[in-house]
Amino acid sequence: MTRIVAGQAGGRTLAVPPRGTRPTSERVREALFSRLEHVVGLDGARVLDLYAGSGALGLEAASRGAQLVVLVEHDRAAAQVCRANAASTGLAQRVRVVADRVERFLDGGTDRFDLVLVDPPYAVDGDALDAVLTRAADLLEEDGWLVVERSTRSPGPSWPAGLTAESDRRYGETHLWFARR
């Protein structure tokens, strides 16, 4: 069972797409958002969640006060689950779901964000991830943060120019990397 950890929708259960996603565990989301509330301040933030899956990361941000959350998910069934989760948690008014490839969304993106969350499928290789990070960095506000979630078996991201690696954390099989513009 996947649920929102804290905030306005804390405790609400989230649906998970039937295949192709691996929602971030509650333990990892709790640790991640505790850190983000300290360094970013989510109240009023604009958040971009790439490879959204069930939308758990972005919806957690909305529950904790983000003003706008954009969930980008290529798989149409998963994007529909994101929409349903936004509605069932009462967060739909602050959440926009984009059913498109992350790369295409980033190529046309003009909005600016305080926080970008990148949790690609494990099959996305390092070069493809680096290309996504370069495009995503262009959408970050000054002092904005970018977080990458990968398996502990995956290599760390290559941060593009303009981003400074801040830290990384491991939680079981999950590795989080943090960078700031």
Protein backbone atom coordinates (compact mmCIF):
# COMPACT_ATOMS: atom_id res chain seq x y z
CA MET A 1 0.00 0.00 0.00
CA THR A 2 1.26 3.46 -0.94
CA ARG A 3 0.01 6.52 0.90
CA ILE A 4 0.78 10.20 1.41
CA VAL A 5 3.07 10.56 4.44
CA ALA A 6 2.26 14.05 5.74
CA GLY A 7 0.54 17.36 5.12
CA GLN A 8 -2.99 18.16 3.97
CA ALA A 9 -3.55 14.69 2.47
CA GLY A 10 -1.43 12.76 4.98
CA GLY A 11 -2.54 9.16 5.37
CA ARG A 12 -4.55 9.04 2.13
CA THR A 13 -3.96 5.91 0.06
CA LEU A 14 -2.64 6.15 -3.50
CA ALA A 15 -3.40 3.80 -6.36
CA VAL A 16 -0.40 2.33 -8.16
CA PRO A 17 -0.30 1.62 -11.91
CA PRO A 18 -0.72 -2.09 -12.66
CA ARG A 19 2.74 -2.41 -14.23
CA GLY A 20 5.96 -0.60 -15.04
CA THR A 21 6.42 1.54 -11.95
CA ARG A 22 8.10 1.21 -8.57
CA PRO A 23 6.71 3.82 -6.18
CA THR A 24 9.20 5.38 -3.80
CA SER A 25 8.79 3.79 -0.37
CA GLU A 26 7.17 5.75 2.43
CA ARG A 27 10.41 5.64 4.40
CA VAL A 28 12.37 7.22 1.55
CA ARG A 29 9.66 9.82 0.83
CA GLU A 30 9.50 10.76 4.50
CA ALA A 31 13.29 11.26 4.65
CA LEU A 32 13.38 13.06 1.30
CA PHE A 33 10.63 15.51 2.15
CA SER A 34 11.91 16.18 5.65
CA ARG A 35 15.16 17.30 4.02
CA LEU A 36 13.41 19.26 1.27
CA GLU A 37 11.19 21.12 3.73
CA HIS A 38 14.38 22.21 5.47
CA VAL A 39 16.43 23.27 2.41
CA VAL A 40 13.77 24.30 -0.14
CA GLY A 41 10.69 25.13 1.88
CA LEU A 42 7.78 23.53 0.06
CA ASP A 43 5.11 26.07 1.04
CA GLY A 44 4.22 27.87 -2.19
CA ALA A 45 6.86 26.00 -4.22
CA ARG A 46 6.53 25.05 -7.88
CA VAL A 47 7.47 21.39 -8.34
CA LEU A 48 8.15 19.28 -11.43
CA ASP A 49 7.98 15.47 -11.02
CA LEU A 50 9.52 13.68 -14.02
CA TYR A 51 8.73 9.99 -14.62
CA ALA A 52 5.86 10.42 -12.16
CA GLY A 53 4.55 6.82 -12.07
CA SER A 54 1.76 6.93 -9.47
CA GLY A 55 2.50 10.59 -8.72
CA ALA A 56 3.53 9.78 -5.14
CA LEU A 57 6.50 12.18 -5.05
CA GLY A 58 4.70 15.15 -6.59
CA LEU A 59 1.54 14.55 -4.59
CA GLU A 60 3.60 14.42 -1.39
CA ALA A 61 4.97 17.86 -2.34
CA ALA A 62 1.45 19.19 -2.98
CA SER A 63 0.23 17.75 0.33
CA ARG A 64 3.05 19.60 2.08
CA GLY A 65 2.14 22.97 0.57
CA ALA A 66 3.52 23.18 -2.97
CA GLN A 67 1.50 25.72 -4.96
CA LEU A 68 1.86 23.89 -8.29
CA VAL A 69 2.97 20.36 -9.11
CA VAL A 70 3.43 19.12 -12.67
CA LEU A 71 3.49 15.33 -13.01
CA VAL A 72 5.03 14.11 -16.28
CA GLU A 73 4.41 10.47 -17.14
CA HIS A 74 4.73 8.80 -20.55
CA ASP A 75 2.56 5.74 -19.88
CA ARG A 76 -1.09 6.71 -20.45
CA ALA A 77 -2.44 4.24 -17.86
CA ALA A 78 -0.01 5.58 -15.24
CA ALA A 79 -0.92 9.18 -16.14
CA GLN A 80 -4.58 8.28 -15.56
CA VAL A 81 -3.64 6.85 -12.15
CA CYS A 82 -1.87 10.15 -11.38
CA ARG A 83 -5.05 12.07 -12.24
CA ALA A 84 -7.17 9.75 -10.10
CA ASN A 85 -4.71 10.05 -7.18
CA ALA A 86 -4.72 13.85 -7.42
CA ALA A 87 -8.53 13.82 -7.29
CA SER A 88 -8.83 11.27 -4.48
CA THR A 89 -6.37 13.18 -2.27
CA GLY A 90 -8.14 16.51 -2.80
CA LEU A 91 -5.03 18.00 -4.41
CA ALA A 92 -6.20 18.17 -8.05
CA GLN A 93 -6.52 21.97 -8.06
CA ARG A 94 -2.73 22.30 -7.60
CA VAL A 95 -1.66 19.35 -9.75
CA ARG A 96 -1.31 19.20 -13.54
CA VAL A 97 -0.72 15.82 -15.18
CA VAL A 98 1.10 15.72 -18.52
CA ALA A 99 0.88 12.42 -20.42
CA ASP A 100 4.00 12.75 -22.57
CA ARG A 101 7.60 11.67 -22.84
CA VAL A 102 9.83 13.51 -20.37
CA GLU A 103 12.21 14.58 -23.15
CA ARG A 104 9.41 16.10 -25.26
CA PHE A 105 7.97 17.93 -22.24
CA LEU A 106 11.39 19.36 -21.38
CA ASP A 107 12.05 20.44 -24.97
CA GLY A 108 8.89 22.56 -24.92
CA GLY A 109 9.11 23.64 -21.30
CA THR A 110 9.10 27.32 -20.42
CA ASP A 111 7.76 27.18 -16.85
CA ARG A 112 10.25 27.61 -14.02
CA PHE A 113 10.37 25.40 -10.93
CA ASP A 114 11.79 25.57 -7.42
CA LEU A 115 12.20 21.80 -7.25
CA VAL A 116 12.61 19.11 -9.92
CA LEU A 117 12.25 15.45 -8.90
CA VAL A 118 13.72 12.87 -11.31
CA ASP A 119 12.94 9.20 -10.64
CA PRO A 120 13.48 7.42 -13.98
CA PRO A 121 12.94 3.72 -14.62
CA TYR A 122 16.08 1.75 -13.88
CA ALA A 123 16.32 0.93 -17.60
CA VAL A 124 17.10 4.60 -18.42
CA ASP A 125 20.86 4.64 -18.99
CA GLY A 126 23.31 7.23 -17.72
CA ASP A 127 23.62 9.13 -21.01
CA ALA A 128 19.85 9.48 -21.37
CA LEU A 129 19.57 10.59 -17.74
CA ASP A 130 22.35 13.16 -18.22
CA ALA A 131 20.48 14.62 -21.21
CA VAL A 132 17.29 14.89 -19.13
CA LEU A 133 19.18 16.55 -16.26
CA THR A 134 20.68 19.14 -18.62
CA ARG A 135 17.24 20.08 -19.93
CA ALA A 136 15.64 19.99 -16.47
CA ALA A 137 18.34 22.27 -15.03
CA ASP A 138 17.28 24.94 -17.53
CA LEU A 139 13.81 25.02 -15.92
CA LEU A 140 15.11 25.54 -12.37
CA GLU A 141 14.73 28.87 -10.63
CA GLU A 142 17.85 30.44 -9.16
CA ASP A 143 18.53 28.53 -5.91
CA GLY A 144 16.23 25.74 -7.13
CA TRP A 145 16.92 22.11 -6.25
CA LEU A 146 17.07 18.98 -8.37
CA VAL A 147 16.80 15.51 -6.81
CA VAL A 148 17.60 12.26 -8.61
CA GLU A 149 16.42 8.88 -7.31
CA ARG A 150 18.07 5.70 -8.60
CA SER A 151 19.04 2.23 -7.50
CA THR A 152 22.16 1.96 -5.38
CA ARG A 153 23.54 -0.15 -8.24
CA SER A 154 23.22 2.75 -10.70
CA PRO A 155 25.99 5.27 -11.22
CA GLY A 156 25.49 8.75 -9.85
CA PRO A 157 24.29 11.54 -12.12
CA SER A 158 26.64 13.79 -14.06
CA TRP A 159 25.44 17.23 -13.03
CA PRO A 160 25.26 19.75 -15.87
CA ALA A 161 26.92 23.17 -15.74
CA GLY A 162 25.08 25.50 -13.43
CA LEU A 163 24.22 22.84 -10.84
CA THR A 164 26.23 22.17 -7.71
CA ALA A 165 26.16 18.73 -6.10
CA GLU A 166 25.02 19.19 -2.50
CA SER A 167 24.77 15.70 -1.02
CA ASP A 168 23.52 12.18 -1.45
CA ARG A 169 21.74 9.69 0.78
CA ARG A 170 21.17 5.94 0.68
CA TYR A 171 18.10 4.16 1.98
CA GLY A 172 18.31 0.41 1.42
CA GLU A 173 18.30 -0.08 -2.37
CA THR A 174 17.46 3.58 -3.06
CA HIS A 175 20.05 6.29 -3.63
CA LEU A 176 19.10 9.99 -3.67
CA TRP A 177 21.34 12.72 -5.09
CA PHE A 178 20.73 16.43 -4.43
CA ALA A 179 21.97 19.40 -6.48
CA ARG A 180 21.22 23.10 -6.41
CA ARG A 181 21.28 25.85 -9.04
